[in-house]
Amino acid sequence: MSDFQGILAIIMIFGMPVFIVGIVAYFRAKDRAETQKTVRMAIEKGQTLPPEFLESLQKTGTLKEKTPERDIRSGLILIAVAGGLCVLDFMHGDFMFGGLSGVAAIPGFIGVALLIMGIVGKRKA
């Protein structure tokens, strides 16, 4: 029975992210289809579309612009993730900057870099 549980755990670990991304993609596609249907019906009825609505359609799906505030926020989140991994490693009882603490260094250093970029960007602006 333990082999089945191991295989099930591996399937869950790799399958859940795929499942979550699939659900997000499905609902985005459904939302786009509804928007296109609404626009098509408005055009068929001869209604004019306001410029604000057309601008909002163009902005949908585009990446948000990078700002120093976004860098600071992302940096703080990554530092918090690294801190959480370190605390988890400490609670496990073998806190010696190995294991999870070593893995925590990756998001930690990326977070510190983003934090520095955000602070420098704010000072320039």
N, C-alpha and C. Protein backbone atom coordinates (compact mmCIF):
# COMPACT_ATOMS: atom_id res chain seq x y z
N MET A 1 0.82 -1.19 0.00
CA MET A 1 0.00 0.00 0.00
C MET A 1 0.86 1.26 0.00
N SER A 2 2.08 1.21 0.56
CA SER A 2 2.92 2.40 0.62
C SER A 2 3.43 2.81 -0.76
N ASP A 3 3.60 1.82 -1.67
CA ASP A 3 4.00 2.17 -3.03
C ASP A 3 2.91 2.98 -3.71
N PHE A 4 1.66 2.58 -3.50
CA PHE A 4 0.53 3.31 -4.08
C PHE A 4 0.47 4.73 -3.53
N GLN A 5 0.71 4.88 -2.23
CA GLN A 5 0.68 6.21 -1.63
C GLN A 5 1.81 7.08 -2.17
N GLY A 6 2.97 6.50 -2.39
CA GLY A 6 4.10 7.25 -2.95
C GLY A 6 3.81 7.72 -4.36
N ILE A 7 3.25 6.82 -5.16
CA ILE A 7 2.92 7.19 -6.54
C ILE A 7 1.83 8.25 -6.55
N LEU A 8 0.83 8.08 -5.67
CA LEU A 8 -0.24 9.06 -5.58
C LEU A 8 0.29 10.43 -5.15
N ALA A 9 1.24 10.43 -4.23
CA ALA A 9 1.83 11.70 -3.77
C ALA A 9 2.57 12.39 -4.92
N ILE A 10 3.31 11.63 -5.69
CA ILE A 10 4.05 12.21 -6.83
C ILE A 10 3.08 12.76 -7.87
N ILE A 11 2.02 12.01 -8.13
CA ILE A 11 1.02 12.49 -9.09
C ILE A 11 0.37 13.78 -8.59
N MET A 12 0.08 13.84 -7.31
CA MET A 12 -0.53 15.05 -6.73
C MET A 12 0.44 16.23 -6.80
N ILE A 13 1.70 15.99 -6.49
CA ILE A 13 2.68 17.08 -6.48
C ILE A 13 2.82 17.70 -7.87
N PHE A 14 2.91 16.85 -8.89
CA PHE A 14 3.10 17.37 -10.23
C PHE A 14 1.79 17.66 -10.94
N GLY A 15 0.72 17.00 -10.53
CA GLY A 15 -0.57 17.19 -11.19
C GLY A 15 -1.33 18.42 -10.73
N MET A 16 -1.21 18.79 -9.47
CA MET A 16 -1.97 19.93 -8.95
C MET A 16 -1.60 21.25 -9.64
N PRO A 17 -0.32 21.57 -9.82
CA PRO A 17 -0.03 22.83 -10.54
C PRO A 17 -0.61 22.84 -11.96
N VAL A 18 -0.52 21.70 -12.64
CA VAL A 18 -1.08 21.62 -13.99
C VAL A 18 -2.59 21.81 -13.94
N PHE A 19 -3.24 21.19 -12.96
CA PHE A 19 -4.69 21.32 -12.80
C PHE A 19 -5.09 22.76 -12.51
N ILE A 20 -4.35 23.43 -11.62
CA ILE A 20 -4.67 24.82 -11.26
C ILE A 20 -4.49 25.74 -12.46
N VAL A 21 -3.38 25.58 -13.19
CA VAL A 21 -3.15 26.41 -14.38
C VAL A 21 -4.23 26.14 -15.42
N GLY A 22 -4.64 24.88 -15.55
CA GLY A 22 -5.70 24.54 -16.50
C GLY A 22 -7.02 25.20 -16.15
N ILE A 23 -7.36 25.23 -14.87
CA ILE A 23 -8.62 25.86 -14.45
C ILE A 23 -8.57 27.37 -14.72
N VAL A 24 -7.44 28.00 -14.41
CA VAL A 24 -7.31 29.43 -14.66
C VAL A 24 -7.42 29.72 -16.16
N ALA A 25 -6.76 28.93 -16.97
CA ALA A 25 -6.82 29.13 -18.43
C ALA A 25 -8.24 28.93 -18.95
N TYR A 26 -8.95 27.93 -18.42
CA TYR A 26 -10.32 27.67 -18.84
C TYR A 26 -11.23 28.86 -18.55
N PHE A 27 -11.15 29.40 -17.33
CA PHE A 27 -12.03 30.51 -16.98
C PHE A 27 -11.65 31.80 -17.71
N ARG A 28 -10.37 32.00 -17.99
CA ARG A 28 -9.99 33.17 -18.80
C ARG A 28 -10.54 33.06 -20.21
N ALA A 29 -10.44 31.86 -20.79
CA ALA A 29 -10.96 31.66 -22.14
C ALA A 29 -12.48 31.85 -22.15
N LYS A 30 -13.15 31.37 -21.13
CA LYS A 30 -14.60 31.52 -21.04
C LYS A 30 -14.97 33.01 -20.92
N ASP A 31 -14.20 33.75 -20.14
CA ASP A 31 -14.45 35.19 -19.98
C ASP A 31 -14.24 35.93 -21.30
N ARG A 32 -13.17 35.57 -22.02
CA ARG A 32 -12.91 36.20 -23.32
C ARG A 32 -14.04 35.90 -24.31
N ALA A 33 -14.52 34.66 -24.30
CA ALA A 33 -15.60 34.30 -25.21
C ALA A 33 -16.87 35.08 -24.90
N GLU A 34 -17.18 35.27 -23.63
CA GLU A 34 -18.35 36.06 -23.25
C GLU A 34 -18.19 37.52 -23.68
N THR A 35 -17.00 38.06 -23.52
CA THR A 35 -16.75 39.45 -23.92
C THR A 35 -16.90 39.59 -25.43
N GLN A 36 -16.34 38.64 -26.19
CA GLN A 36 -16.46 38.69 -27.64
C GLN A 36 -17.92 38.57 -28.08
N LYS A 37 -18.67 37.73 -27.40
CA LYS A 37 -20.09 37.57 -27.72
C LYS A 37 -20.85 38.87 -27.48
N THR A 38 -20.54 39.54 -26.37
CA THR A 38 -21.19 40.82 -26.06
C THR A 38 -20.85 41.88 -27.10
N VAL A 39 -19.58 41.97 -27.48
CA VAL A 39 -19.15 42.95 -28.48
C VAL A 39 -19.81 42.64 -29.83
N ARG A 40 -19.85 41.37 -30.19
CA ARG A 40 -20.45 40.98 -31.46
C ARG A 40 -21.93 41.36 -31.49
N MET A 41 -22.65 41.11 -30.40
CA MET A 41 -24.08 41.45 -30.35
C MET A 41 -24.29 42.96 -30.43
N ALA A 42 -23.41 43.72 -29.77
CA ALA A 42 -23.55 45.18 -29.82
C ALA A 42 -23.31 45.70 -31.23
N ILE A 43 -22.34 45.13 -31.92
CA ILE A 43 -22.05 45.57 -33.29
C ILE A 43 -23.20 45.19 -34.22
N GLU A 44 -23.76 43.99 -34.04
CA GLU A 44 -24.87 43.56 -34.88
C GLU A 44 -26.10 44.45 -34.71
N LYS A 45 -26.30 44.96 -33.48
CA LYS A 45 -27.45 45.83 -33.23
C LYS A 45 -27.16 47.27 -33.63
N GLY A 46 -25.95 47.56 -34.09
CA GLY A 46 -25.61 48.88 -34.55
C GLY A 46 -25.24 49.86 -33.45
N GLN A 47 -24.98 49.37 -32.25
CA GLN A 47 -24.60 50.25 -31.15
C GLN A 47 -23.11 50.60 -31.27
N THR A 48 -22.79 51.82 -30.89
CA THR A 48 -21.39 52.23 -30.90
C THR A 48 -20.77 51.85 -29.56
N LEU A 49 -19.53 51.44 -29.63
CA LEU A 49 -18.82 51.05 -28.42
C LEU A 49 -18.04 52.25 -27.89
N PRO A 50 -18.16 52.54 -26.60
CA PRO A 50 -17.43 53.68 -26.05
C PRO A 50 -15.92 53.45 -26.09
N PRO A 51 -15.14 54.52 -26.26
CA PRO A 51 -13.68 54.38 -26.34
C PRO A 51 -13.09 53.78 -25.06
N GLU A 52 -13.71 54.06 -23.91
CA GLU A 52 -13.19 53.51 -22.66
C GLU A 52 -13.28 51.98 -22.67
N PHE A 53 -14.38 51.47 -23.24
CA PHE A 53 -14.56 50.02 -23.31
C PHE A 53 -13.51 49.39 -24.21
N LEU A 54 -13.24 50.03 -25.34
CA LEU A 54 -12.23 49.51 -26.26
C LEU A 54 -10.84 49.54 -25.63
N GLU A 55 -10.54 50.60 -24.86
CA GLU A 55 -9.25 50.67 -24.18
C GLU A 55 -9.13 49.57 -23.13
N SER A 56 -10.23 49.30 -22.43
CA SER A 56 -10.19 48.25 -21.41
C SER A 56 -9.99 46.88 -22.06
N LEU A 57 -10.52 46.68 -23.28
CA LEU A 57 -10.29 45.43 -23.99
C LEU A 57 -8.83 45.27 -24.38
N GLN A 58 -8.19 46.36 -24.75
CA GLN A 58 -6.78 46.30 -25.13
C GLN A 58 -5.90 46.02 -23.92
N LYS A 59 -6.26 46.54 -22.77
CA LYS A 59 -5.45 46.35 -21.57
C LYS A 59 -5.61 44.96 -20.97
N THR A 60 -6.72 44.30 -21.26
CA THR A 60 -6.97 42.98 -20.70
C THR A 60 -5.95 41.99 -21.23
N GLY A 61 -5.30 41.28 -20.31
CA GLY A 61 -4.33 40.26 -20.70
C GLY A 61 -2.92 40.77 -20.86
N THR A 62 -2.71 42.08 -20.78
CA THR A 62 -1.35 42.59 -20.88
C THR A 62 -0.72 42.62 -19.50
N LEU A 63 0.59 42.53 -19.48
CA LEU A 63 1.30 42.56 -18.21
C LEU A 63 1.27 43.96 -17.62
N LYS A 64 1.18 43.99 -16.31
CA LYS A 64 1.20 45.28 -15.63
C LYS A 64 2.62 45.84 -15.70
N GLU A 65 2.70 47.16 -15.77
CA GLU A 65 4.03 47.76 -15.90
C GLU A 65 4.79 47.63 -14.58
N LYS A 66 6.09 47.48 -14.73
CA LYS A 66 6.93 47.33 -13.54
C LYS A 66 7.12 48.69 -12.89
N THR A 67 6.86 48.73 -11.62
CA THR A 67 7.07 49.94 -10.84
C THR A 67 7.91 49.58 -9.63
N PRO A 68 8.56 50.57 -9.02
CA PRO A 68 9.32 50.27 -7.80
C PRO A 68 8.46 49.67 -6.70
N GLU A 69 7.21 50.09 -6.61
CA GLU A 69 6.33 49.54 -5.57
C GLU A 69 6.09 48.05 -5.79
N ARG A 70 5.92 47.64 -7.06
CA ARG A 70 5.73 46.22 -7.36
C ARG A 70 6.98 45.42 -7.04
N ASP A 71 8.16 46.00 -7.33
CA ASP A 71 9.42 45.32 -6.99
C ASP A 71 9.55 45.15 -5.48
N ILE A 72 9.23 46.18 -4.72
CA ILE A 72 9.33 46.11 -3.27
C ILE A 72 8.35 45.06 -2.74
N ARG A 73 7.14 45.07 -3.26
CA ARG A 73 6.14 44.10 -2.80
C ARG A 73 6.57 42.67 -3.12
N SER A 74 7.03 42.44 -4.34
CA SER A 74 7.49 41.10 -4.72
C SER A 74 8.68 40.67 -3.89
N GLY A 75 9.60 41.60 -3.65
CA GLY A 75 10.77 41.29 -2.83
C GLY A 75 10.40 40.90 -1.42
N LEU A 76 9.48 41.64 -0.83
CA LEU A 76 9.04 41.32 0.53
C LEU A 76 8.34 39.97 0.60
N ILE A 77 7.55 39.65 -0.42
CA ILE A 77 6.88 38.35 -0.45
C ILE A 77 7.90 37.23 -0.54
N LEU A 78 8.90 37.38 -1.39
CA LEU A 78 9.92 36.33 -1.53
C LEU A 78 10.76 36.19 -0.26
N ILE A 79 11.04 37.31 0.40
CA ILE A 79 11.78 37.24 1.66
C ILE A 79 10.93 36.52 2.72
N ALA A 80 9.63 36.77 2.72
CA ALA A 80 8.74 36.09 3.66
C ALA A 80 8.68 34.59 3.38
N VAL A 81 8.68 34.20 2.10
CA VAL A 81 8.70 32.78 1.76
C VAL A 81 10.00 32.14 2.26
N ALA A 82 11.11 32.83 2.07
CA ALA A 82 12.40 32.31 2.55
C ALA A 82 12.39 32.20 4.07
N GLY A 83 11.84 33.20 4.74
CA GLY A 83 11.75 33.14 6.20
C GLY A 83 10.88 31.99 6.66
N GLY A 84 9.78 31.75 5.97
CA GLY A 84 8.90 30.63 6.31
C GLY A 84 9.60 29.30 6.15
N LEU A 85 10.39 29.15 5.09
CA LEU A 85 11.14 27.90 4.91
C LEU A 85 12.19 27.72 6.00
N CYS A 86 12.83 28.81 6.40
CA CYS A 86 13.82 28.72 7.49
C CYS A 86 13.15 28.33 8.82
N VAL A 87 11.98 28.91 9.09
CA VAL A 87 11.26 28.57 10.32
C VAL A 87 10.82 27.11 10.28
N LEU A 88 10.36 26.65 9.11
CA LEU A 88 9.98 25.25 8.98
C LEU A 88 11.17 24.34 9.22
N ASP A 89 12.32 24.71 8.70
CA ASP A 89 13.54 23.93 8.92
C ASP A 89 13.93 23.94 10.40
N PHE A 90 13.77 25.09 11.05
CA PHE A 90 14.09 25.21 12.47
C PHE A 90 13.15 24.36 13.32
N MET A 91 11.86 24.37 12.97
CA MET A 91 10.88 23.59 13.73
C MET A 91 11.08 22.09 13.53
N HIS A 92 11.64 21.73 12.39
CA HIS A 92 11.92 20.32 12.13
C HIS A 92 13.04 19.82 13.02
N GLY A 93 13.89 20.73 13.50
CA GLY A 93 14.91 20.37 14.47
C GLY A 93 16.32 20.28 13.95
N ASP A 94 16.52 20.41 12.67
CA ASP A 94 17.90 20.32 12.16
C ASP A 94 18.29 21.60 11.43
N PHE A 95 18.20 22.69 12.15
CA PHE A 95 18.49 24.00 11.58
C PHE A 95 20.01 24.20 11.56
N MET A 96 20.62 23.97 10.42
CA MET A 96 22.07 24.12 10.31
C MET A 96 22.45 24.70 8.95
N PHE A 97 21.55 25.50 8.39
CA PHE A 97 21.76 26.12 7.08
C PHE A 97 22.07 25.06 6.02
N GLY A 98 21.30 24.03 6.05
CA GLY A 98 21.31 22.99 5.04
C GLY A 98 19.86 22.62 4.81
N GLY A 99 19.61 21.72 3.96
CA GLY A 99 18.22 21.29 3.73
C GLY A 99 17.34 22.43 3.26
N LEU A 100 16.26 22.68 4.01
CA LEU A 100 15.32 23.73 3.62
C LEU A 100 15.92 25.12 3.73
N SER A 101 16.83 25.30 4.67
CA SER A 101 17.44 26.63 4.80
C SER A 101 18.28 26.97 3.59
N GLY A 102 18.91 25.96 3.01
CA GLY A 102 19.67 26.19 1.77
C GLY A 102 18.76 26.52 0.61
N VAL A 103 17.62 25.83 0.54
CA VAL A 103 16.64 26.10 -0.50
C VAL A 103 16.04 27.49 -0.31
N ALA A 104 15.88 27.89 0.96
CA ALA A 104 15.29 29.20 1.27
C ALA A 104 16.16 30.34 0.80
N ALA A 105 17.44 30.07 0.60
CA ALA A 105 18.34 31.14 0.14
C ALA A 105 17.97 31.63 -1.25
N ILE A 106 17.41 30.76 -2.08
CA ILE A 106 17.09 31.15 -3.46
C ILE A 106 16.02 32.23 -3.49
N PRO A 107 14.82 32.01 -2.94
CA PRO A 107 13.85 33.10 -2.97
C PRO A 107 14.28 34.26 -2.08
N GLY A 108 15.06 33.99 -1.05
CA GLY A 108 15.53 35.06 -0.17
C GLY A 108 16.42 36.06 -0.90
N PHE A 109 17.40 35.55 -1.63
CA PHE A 109 18.30 36.44 -2.35
C PHE A 109 17.60 37.15 -3.51
N ILE A 110 16.69 36.45 -4.19
CA ILE A 110 15.91 37.11 -5.24
C ILE A 110 15.06 38.23 -4.63
N GLY A 111 14.47 37.96 -3.46
CA GLY A 111 13.67 38.97 -2.78
C GLY A 111 14.50 40.17 -2.37
N VAL A 112 15.70 39.92 -1.86
CA VAL A 112 16.58 41.04 -1.48
C VAL A 112 16.95 41.87 -2.71
N ALA A 113 17.24 41.19 -3.83
CA ALA A 113 17.58 41.92 -5.06
C ALA A 113 16.40 42.77 -5.54
N LEU A 114 15.18 42.22 -5.50
CA LEU A 114 14.02 43.00 -5.90
C LEU A 114 13.77 44.16 -4.96
N LEU A 115 13.99 43.94 -3.68
CA LEU A 115 13.82 45.01 -2.70
C LEU A 115 14.80 46.14 -2.97
N ILE A 116 16.04 45.81 -3.25
CA ILE A 116 17.07 46.83 -3.56
C ILE A 116 16.69 47.57 -4.85
N MET A 117 16.25 46.81 -5.87
CA MET A 117 15.84 47.46 -7.13
C MET A 117 14.67 48.40 -6.90
N GLY A 118 13.72 48.02 -6.07
CA GLY A 118 12.57 48.88 -5.79
C GLY A 118 12.98 50.14 -5.06
N ILE A 119 13.86 50.01 -4.07
CA ILE A 119 14.30 51.18 -3.31
C ILE A 119 15.10 52.13 -4.20
N VAL A 120 16.00 51.58 -5.02
CA VAL A 120 16.79 52.42 -5.94
C VAL A 120 15.86 53.10 -6.94
N GLY A 121 14.87 52.35 -7.45
CA GLY A 121 13.92 52.93 -8.42
C GLY A 121 13.08 54.03 -7.81
N LYS A 122 12.71 53.89 -6.55
CA LYS A 122 11.94 54.95 -5.89
C LYS A 122 12.78 56.21 -5.70
N ARG A 123 14.03 56.03 -5.38
CA ARG A 123 14.91 57.20 -5.19
C ARG A 123 15.15 57.95 -6.48
N LYS A 124 15.20 57.21 -7.61
CA LYS A 124 15.40 57.85 -8.91
C LYS A 124 14.17 58.63 -9.33
N ALA A 125 12.99 58.13 -8.93
CA ALA A 125 11.74 58.78 -9.34
C ALA A 125 11.41 59.93 -8.41
